Amino acid sequence: MIGLDIARFLGREYQTVFSVHEDAQQLHIHLVINSVSFIDGHRYRGTRAEFYGLKNYINMVIGRFGIAPVRYISGKA
């Protein structure tokens, strides 16, 4: 549910897949996006505004499940 909600947020404009790792010491989600918008071809730049928009959305989603806010999101692999 959490992974799907987050993927849908990004998926409004970018092709997005996610994977939930339940077998790790700490449950976590990996998101992979096609950085070219399927709507108009512009690129996801990862600007500060985009980063905080995503982070705020993630915190809103996980807050509904009683999970503490995210403080750190890892960047590009």
PDB file of N, CA and C in Angstrom:
ATOM      1  N   MET A   1       0.810  -1.182   0.000  1.00  0.00           N
ATOM      2  CA  MET A   1       0.000   0.000   0.000  1.00  0.00           C
ATOM      3  C   MET A   1       0.866   1.264   0.000  1.00  0.00           C
ATOM      4  N   ILE A   2       1.870   1.325   0.844  1.00  0.00           N
ATOM      5  CA  ILE A   2       2.731   2.505   0.915  1.00  0.00           C
ATOM      6  C   ILE A   2       3.516   2.659  -0.383  1.00  0.00           C
ATOM      7  N   GLY A   3       4.140   1.575  -0.825  1.00  0.00           N
ATOM      8  CA  GLY A   3       4.921   1.624  -2.068  1.00  0.00           C
ATOM      9  C   GLY A   3       4.063   2.025  -3.254  1.00  0.00           C
ATOM     10  N   LEU A   4       2.865   1.476  -3.325  1.00  0.00           N
ATOM     11  CA  LEU A   4       1.955   1.788  -4.421  1.00  0.00           C
ATOM     12  C   LEU A   4       1.535   3.260  -4.383  1.00  0.00           C
ATOM     13  N   ASP A   5       1.235   3.787  -3.216  1.00  0.00           N
ATOM     14  CA  ASP A   5       0.861   5.198  -3.090  1.00  0.00           C
ATOM     15  C   ASP A   5       1.991   6.112  -3.561  1.00  0.00           C
ATOM     16  N   ILE A   6       3.203   5.797  -3.169  1.00  0.00           N
ATOM     17  CA  ILE A   6       4.351   6.620  -3.553  1.00  0.00           C
ATOM     18  C   ILE A   6       4.611   6.499  -5.049  1.00  0.00           C
ATOM     19  N   ALA A   7       4.524   5.276  -5.574  1.00  0.00           N
ATOM     20  CA  ALA A   7       4.722   5.072  -7.010  1.00  0.00           C
ATOM     21  C   ALA A   7       3.657   5.818  -7.816  1.00  0.00           C
ATOM     22  N   ARG A   8       2.447   5.857  -7.328  1.00  0.00           N
ATOM     23  CA  ARG A   8       1.386   6.594  -8.027  1.00  0.00           C
ATOM     24  C   ARG A   8       1.672   8.094  -8.048  1.00  0.00           C
ATOM     25  N   PHE A   9       2.254   8.606  -6.973  1.00  0.00           N
ATOM     26  CA  PHE A   9       2.608  10.032  -6.928  1.00  0.00           C
ATOM     27  C   PHE A   9       3.575  10.361  -8.062  1.00  0.00           C
ATOM     28  N   LEU A  10       4.618   9.569  -8.201  1.00  0.00           N
ATOM     29  CA  LEU A  10       5.593   9.793  -9.268  1.00  0.00           C
ATOM     30  C   LEU A  10       5.025   9.386 -10.624  1.00  0.00           C
ATOM     31  N   GLY A  11       4.167   8.364 -10.622  1.00  0.00           N
ATOM     32  CA  GLY A  11       3.621   7.805 -11.847  1.00  0.00           C
ATOM     33  C   GLY A  11       2.627   8.694 -12.557  1.00  0.00           C
ATOM     34  N   ARG A  12       2.247   9.791 -11.943  1.00  0.00           N
ATOM     35  CA  ARG A  12       1.371  10.732 -12.640  1.00  0.00           C
ATOM     36  C   ARG A  12       2.056  11.288 -13.875  1.00  0.00           C
ATOM     37  N   GLU A  13       3.387  11.259 -13.861  1.00  0.00           N
ATOM     38  CA  GLU A  13       4.143  11.868 -14.943  1.00  0.00           C
ATOM     39  C   GLU A  13       5.298  11.003 -15.456  1.00  0.00           C
ATOM     40  N   TYR A  14       5.764  10.068 -14.632  1.00  0.00           N
ATOM     41  CA  TYR A  14       6.928   9.254 -14.989  1.00  0.00           C
ATOM     42  C   TYR A  14       6.607   7.773 -14.790  1.00  0.00           C
ATOM     43  N   GLN A  15       7.124   6.940 -15.692  1.00  0.00           N
ATOM     44  CA  GLN A  15       6.978   5.503 -15.491  1.00  0.00           C
ATOM     45  C   GLN A  15       7.728   5.140 -14.216  1.00  0.00           C
ATOM     46  N   THR A  16       7.081   4.380 -13.346  1.00  0.00           N
ATOM     47  CA  THR A  16       7.642   4.097 -12.026  1.00  0.00           C
ATOM     48  C   THR A  16       7.423   2.643 -11.645  1.00  0.00           C
ATOM     49  N   VAL A  17       8.449   2.020 -11.087  1.00  0.00           N
ATOM     50  CA  VAL A  17       8.317   0.689 -10.501  1.00  0.00           C
ATOM     51  C   VAL A  17       8.871   0.753  -9.086  1.00  0.00           C
ATOM     52  N   PHE A  18       8.397  -0.155  -8.242  1.00  0.00           N
ATOM     53  CA  PHE A  18       8.902  -0.182  -6.876  1.00  0.00           C
ATOM     54  C   PHE A  18       9.030  -1.617  -6.408  1.00  0.00           C
ATOM     55  N   SER A  19       9.852  -1.790  -5.399  1.00  0.00           N
ATOM     56  CA  SER A  19      10.053  -3.090  -4.775  1.00  0.00           C
ATOM     57  C   SER A  19      10.130  -2.883  -3.273  1.00  0.00           C
ATOM     58  N   VAL A  20       9.440  -3.745  -2.546  1.00  0.00           N
ATOM     59  CA  VAL A  20       9.467  -3.678  -1.086  1.00  0.00           C
ATOM     60  C   VAL A  20      10.348  -4.817  -0.588  1.00  0.00           C
ATOM     61  N   HIS A  21      11.349  -4.487   0.197  1.00  0.00           N
ATOM     62  CA  HIS A  21      12.245  -5.485   0.767  1.00  0.00           C
ATOM     63  C   HIS A  21      11.799  -5.819   2.188  1.00  0.00           C
ATOM     64  N   GLU A  22      11.189  -6.963   2.316  1.00  0.00           N
ATOM     65  CA  GLU A  22      10.743  -7.416   3.636  1.00  0.00           C
ATOM     66  C   GLU A  22      11.761  -8.337   4.290  1.00  0.00           C
ATOM     67  N   ASP A  23      12.723  -8.815   3.513  1.00  0.00           N
ATOM     68  CA  ASP A  23      13.687  -9.785   4.022  1.00  0.00           C
ATOM     69  C   ASP A  23      14.949  -9.132   4.585  1.00  0.00           C
ATOM     70  N   ALA A  24      14.992  -7.816   4.580  1.00  0.00           N
ATOM     71  CA  ALA A  24      16.143  -7.101   5.116  1.00  0.00           C
ATOM     72  C   ALA A  24      15.917  -6.808   6.594  1.00  0.00           C
ATOM     73  N   GLN A  25      16.961  -6.363   7.255  1.00  0.00           N
ATOM     74  CA  GLN A  25      16.855  -6.046   8.677  1.00  0.00           C
ATOM     75  C   GLN A  25      15.841  -4.931   8.915  1.00  0.00           C
ATOM     76  N   GLN A  26      15.778  -4.013   7.957  1.00  0.00           N
ATOM     77  CA  GLN A  26      14.828  -2.909   8.071  1.00  0.00           C
ATOM     78  C   GLN A  26      14.002  -2.859   6.782  1.00  0.00           C
ATOM     79  N   LEU A  27      12.691  -2.974   6.915  1.00  0.00           N
ATOM     80  CA  LEU A  27      11.783  -2.898   5.781  1.00  0.00           C
ATOM     81  C   LEU A  27      12.043  -1.599   5.022  1.00  0.00           C
ATOM     82  N   HIS A  28      12.165  -1.704   3.691  1.00  0.00           N
ATOM     83  CA  HIS A  28      12.384  -0.497   2.894  1.00  0.00           C
ATOM     84  C   HIS A  28      11.868  -0.694   1.478  1.00  0.00           C
ATOM     85  N   ILE A  29      11.724   0.424   0.780  1.00  0.00           N
ATOM     86  CA  ILE A  29      11.171   0.437  -0.567  1.00  0.00           C
ATOM     87  C   ILE A  29      12.190   1.052  -1.520  1.00  0.00           C
ATOM     88  N   HIS A  30      12.372   0.404  -2.669  1.00  0.00           N
ATOM     89  CA  HIS A  30      13.183   0.962  -3.747  1.00  0.00           C
ATOM     90  C   HIS A  30      12.238   1.468  -4.821  1.00  0.00           C
ATOM     91  N   LEU A  31      12.482   2.657  -5.308  1.00  0.00           N
ATOM     92  CA  LEU A  31      11.708   3.232  -6.411  1.00  0.00           C
ATOM     93  C   LEU A  31      12.644   3.464  -7.585  1.00  0.00           C
ATOM     94  N   VAL A  32      12.188   3.112  -8.773  1.00  0.00           N
ATOM     95  CA  VAL A  32      12.945   3.377  -9.991  1.00  0.00           C
ATOM     96  C   VAL A  32      12.010   4.121 -10.928  1.00  0.00           C
ATOM     97  N   ILE A  33      12.467   5.254 -11.430  1.00  0.00           N
ATOM     98  CA  ILE A  33      11.623   6.016 -12.353  1.00  0.00           C
ATOM     99  C   ILE A  33      12.349   6.239 -13.669  1.00  0.00           C
ATOM    100  N   ASN A  34      11.578   6.292 -14.739  1.00  0.00           N
ATOM    101  CA  ASN A  34      12.078   6.748 -16.021  1.00  0.00           C
ATOM    102  C   ASN A  34      12.075   8.259 -15.914  1.00  0.00           C
ATOM    103  N   SER A  35      13.234   8.870 -15.996  1.00  0.00           N
ATOM    104  CA  SER A  35      13.343  10.304 -15.732  1.00  0.00           C
ATOM    105  C   SER A  35      12.804  11.185 -16.858  1.00  0.00           C
ATOM    106  N   VAL A  36      12.291  10.575 -17.922  1.00  0.00           N
ATOM    107  CA  VAL A  36      11.682  11.342 -19.013  1.00  0.00           C
ATOM    108  C   VAL A  36      10.168  11.219 -18.893  1.00  0.00           C
ATOM    109  N   SER A  37       9.486  12.344 -18.784  1.00  0.00           N
ATOM    110  CA  SER A  37       8.039  12.368 -18.629  1.00  0.00           C
ATOM    111  C   SER A  37       7.363  11.774 -19.854  1.00  0.00           C
ATOM    112  N   PHE A  38       6.416  10.872 -19.625  1.00  0.00           N
ATOM    113  CA  PHE A  38       5.665  10.319 -20.746  1.00  0.00           C
ATOM    114  C   PHE A  38       4.587  11.288 -21.232  1.00  0.00           C
ATOM    115  N   ILE A  39       4.392  12.390 -20.515  1.00  0.00           N
ATOM    116  CA  ILE A  39       3.391  13.381 -20.900  1.00  0.00           C
ATOM    117  C   ILE A  39       3.958  14.365 -21.926  1.00  0.00           C
ATOM    118  N   ASP A  40       5.112  14.962 -21.598  1.00  0.00           N
ATOM    119  CA  ASP A  40       5.641  15.986 -22.506  1.00  0.00           C
ATOM    120  C   ASP A  40       7.144  15.863 -22.776  1.00  0.00           C
ATOM    121  N   GLY A  41       7.784  14.819 -22.281  1.00  0.00           N
ATOM    122  CA  GLY A  41       9.194  14.567 -22.583  1.00  0.00           C
ATOM    123  C   GLY A  41      10.202  15.336 -21.745  1.00  0.00           C
ATOM    124  N   HIS A  42       9.747  16.158 -20.793  1.00  0.00           N
ATOM    125  CA  HIS A  42      10.736  16.865 -19.964  1.00  0.00           C
ATOM    126  C   HIS A  42      11.345  15.881 -18.963  1.00  0.00           C
ATOM    127  N   ARG A  43      12.501  16.220 -18.466  1.00  0.00           N
ATOM    128  CA  ARG A  43      13.239  15.332 -17.574  1.00  0.00           C
ATOM    129  C   ARG A  43      12.981  15.668 -16.107  1.00  0.00           C
ATOM    130  N   TYR A  44      12.977  14.622 -15.287  1.00  0.00           N
ATOM    131  CA  TYR A  44      12.959  14.790 -13.833  1.00  0.00           C
ATOM    132  C   TYR A  44      14.370  15.196 -13.444  1.00  0.00           C
ATOM    133  N   ARG A  45      14.515  16.361 -12.891  1.00  0.00           N
ATOM    134  CA  ARG A  45      15.847  16.898 -12.589  1.00  0.00           C
ATOM    135  C   ARG A  45      16.301  16.616 -11.161  1.00  0.00           C
ATOM    136  N   GLY A  46      15.378  16.296 -10.296  1.00  0.00           N
ATOM    137  CA  GLY A  46      15.765  16.074  -8.906  1.00  0.00           C
ATOM    138  C   GLY A  46      16.105  17.376  -8.209  1.00  0.00           C
ATOM    139  N   THR A  47      15.395  18.429  -8.545  1.00  0.00           N
ATOM    140  CA  THR A  47      15.647  19.722  -7.908  1.00  0.00           C
ATOM    141  C   THR A  47      15.283  19.653  -6.422  1.00  0.00           C
ATOM    142  N   ARG A  48      15.689  20.641  -5.716  1.00  0.00           N
ATOM    143  CA  ARG A  48      15.374  20.717  -4.288  1.00  0.00           C
ATOM    144  C   ARG A  48      13.852  20.709  -4.075  1.00  0.00           C
ATOM    145  N   ALA A  49      13.127  21.444  -4.919  1.00  0.00           N
ATOM    146  CA  ALA A  49      11.662  21.489  -4.807  1.00  0.00           C
ATOM    147  C   ALA A  49      11.057  20.111  -5.071  1.00  0.00           C
ATOM    148  N   GLU A  50      11.560  19.393  -6.085  1.00  0.00           N
ATOM    149  CA  GLU A  50      11.051  18.044  -6.375  1.00  0.00           C
ATOM    150  C   GLU A  50      11.375  17.093  -5.223  1.00  0.00           C
ATOM    151  N   PHE A  51      12.586  17.201  -4.709  1.00  0.00           N
ATOM    152  CA  PHE A  51      13.002  16.340  -3.597  1.00  0.00           C
ATOM    153  C   PHE A  51      12.102  16.533  -2.383  1.00  0.00           C
ATOM    154  N   TYR A  52      11.898  17.785  -1.984  1.00  0.00           N
ATOM    155  CA  TYR A  52      11.081  18.039  -0.804  1.00  0.00           C
ATOM    156  C   TYR A  52       9.606  17.742  -1.051  1.00  0.00           C
ATOM    157  N   GLY A  53       9.147  17.926  -2.282  1.00  0.00           N
ATOM    158  CA  GLY A  53       7.775  17.545  -2.614  1.00  0.00           C
ATOM    159  C   GLY A  53       7.564  16.055  -2.432  1.00  0.00           C
ATOM    160  N   LEU A  54       8.518  15.243  -2.921  1.00  0.00           N
ATOM    161  CA  LEU A  54       8.441  13.791  -2.755  1.00  0.00           C
ATOM    162  C   LEU A  54       8.559  13.402  -1.288  1.00  0.00           C
ATOM    163  N   LYS A  55       9.521  13.984  -0.603  1.00  0.00           N
ATOM    164  CA  LYS A  55       9.724  13.661   0.813  1.00  0.00           C
ATOM    165  C   LYS A  55       8.481  13.995   1.637  1.00  0.00           C
ATOM    166  N   ASN A  56       7.882  15.146   1.391  1.00  0.00           N
ATOM    167  CA  ASN A  56       6.673  15.527   2.117  1.00  0.00           C
ATOM    168  C   ASN A  56       5.522  14.576   1.812  1.00  0.00           C
ATOM    169  N   TYR A  57       5.412  14.159   0.561  1.00  0.00           N
ATOM    170  CA  TYR A  57       4.350  13.217   0.202  1.00  0.00           C
ATOM    171  C   TYR A  57       4.575  11.872   0.900  1.00  0.00           C
ATOM    172  N   ILE A  58       5.818  11.384   0.887  1.00  0.00           N
ATOM    173  CA  ILE A  58       6.143  10.123   1.567  1.00  0.00           C
ATOM    174  C   ILE A  58       5.777  10.227   3.046  1.00  0.00           C
ATOM    175  N   ASN A  59       6.140  11.319   3.693  1.00  0.00           N
ATOM    176  CA  ASN A  59       5.830  11.485   5.115  1.00  0.00           C
ATOM    177  C   ASN A  59       4.330  11.523   5.369  1.00  0.00           C
ATOM    178  N   MET A  60       3.576  12.110   4.448  1.00  0.00           N
ATOM    179  CA  MET A  60       2.119  12.120   4.586  1.00  0.00           C
ATOM    180  C   MET A  60       1.566  10.692   4.490  1.00  0.00           C
ATOM    181  N   VAL A  61       2.057   9.928   3.508  1.00  0.00           N
ATOM    182  CA  VAL A  61       1.579   8.556   3.312  1.00  0.00           C
ATOM    183  C   VAL A  61       1.916   7.686   4.525  1.00  0.00           C
ATOM    184  N   ILE A  62       3.164   7.705   4.955  1.00  0.00           N
ATOM    185  CA  ILE A  62       3.550   6.823   6.060  1.00  0.00           C
ATOM    186  C   ILE A  62       2.947   7.281   7.384  1.00  0.00           C
ATOM    187  N   GLY A  63       2.666   8.568   7.495  1.00  0.00           N
ATOM    188  CA  GLY A  63       2.016   9.076   8.703  1.00  0.00           C
ATOM    189  C   GLY A  63       0.646   8.453   8.919  1.00  0.00           C
ATOM    190  N   ARG A  64      -0.048   8.131   7.833  1.00  0.00           N
ATOM    191  CA  ARG A  64      -1.357   7.481   7.944  1.00  0.00           C
ATOM    192  C   ARG A  64      -1.245   6.096   8.569  1.00  0.00           C
ATOM    193  N   PHE A  65      -0.050   5.510   8.535  1.00  0.00           N
ATOM    194  CA  PHE A  65       0.176   4.186   9.098  1.00  0.00           C
ATOM    195  C   PHE A  65       0.899   4.247  10.439  1.00  0.00           C
ATOM    196  N   GLY A  66       1.067   5.451  10.969  1.00  0.00           N
ATOM    197  CA  GLY A  66       1.717   5.612  12.262  1.00  0.00           C
ATOM    198  C   GLY A  66       3.223   5.435  12.223  1.00  0.00           C
ATOM    199  N   ILE A  67       3.826   5.614  11.049  1.00  0.00           N
ATOM    200  CA  ILE A  67       5.274   5.460  10.898  1.00  0.00           C
ATOM    201  C   ILE A  67       5.920   6.840  11.038  1.00  0.00           C
ATOM    202  N   ALA A  68       7.052   6.884  11.729  1.00  0.00           N
ATOM    203  CA  ALA A  68       7.769   8.147  11.950  1.00  0.00           C
ATOM    204  C   ALA A  68       8.213   8.763  10.622  1.00  0.00           C
ATOM    205  N   PRO A  69       8.295  10.071  10.545  1.00  0.00           N
ATOM    206  CA  PRO A  69       8.695  10.751   9.309  1.00  0.00           C
ATOM    207  C   PRO A  69      10.084  10.340   8.832  1.00  0.00           C
ATOM    208  N   VAL A  70      10.251  10.371   7.519  1.00  0.00           N
ATOM    209  CA  VAL A  70      11.541  10.077   6.894  1.00  0.00           C
ATOM    210  C   VAL A  70      12.438  11.291   7.070  1.00  0.00           C
ATOM    211  N   ARG A  71      13.656  11.058   7.502  1.00  0.00           N
ATOM    212  CA  ARG A  71      14.610  12.162   7.628  1.00  0.00           C
ATOM    213  C   ARG A  71      15.605  12.172   6.493  1.00  0.00           C
ATOM    214  N   TYR A  72      15.846  10.985   5.890  1.00  0.00           N
ATOM    215  CA  TYR A  72      16.861  10.879   4.858  1.00  0.00           C
ATOM    216  C   TYR A  72      16.336   9.995   3.734  1.00  0.00           C
ATOM    217  N   ILE A  73      16.546  10.418   2.500  1.00  0.00           N
ATOM    218  CA  ILE A  73      16.229   9.608   1.323  1.00  0.00           C
ATOM    219  C   ILE A  73      17.514   9.509   0.533  1.00  0.00           C
ATOM    220  N   SER A  74      17.934   8.270   0.243  1.00  0.00           N
ATOM    221  CA  SER A  74      19.177   8.127  -0.502  1.00  0.00           C
ATOM    222  C   SER A  74      18.961   8.558  -1.944  1.00  0.00           C
ATOM    223  N   GLY A  75      20.004   9.086  -2.539  1.00  0.00           N
ATOM    224  CA  GLY A  75      19.925   9.595  -3.901  1.00  0.00           C
ATOM    225  C   GLY A  75      20.217   8.541  -4.935  1.00  0.00           C
ATOM    226  N   LYS A  76      20.825   8.986  -5.994  1.00  0.00           N
ATOM    227  CA  LYS A  76      21.111   8.111  -7.123  1.00  0.00           C
ATOM    228  C   LYS A  76      22.089   7.021  -6.720  1.00  0.00           C
ATOM    229  N   ALA A  77      21.878   5.847  -7.309  1.00  0.00           N
ATOM    230  CA  ALA A  77      22.757   4.703  -7.022  1.00  0.00           C
ATOM    231  C   ALA A  77      24.083   4.842  -7.712  1.00  0.00           C
TER     232      ALA A  77
END
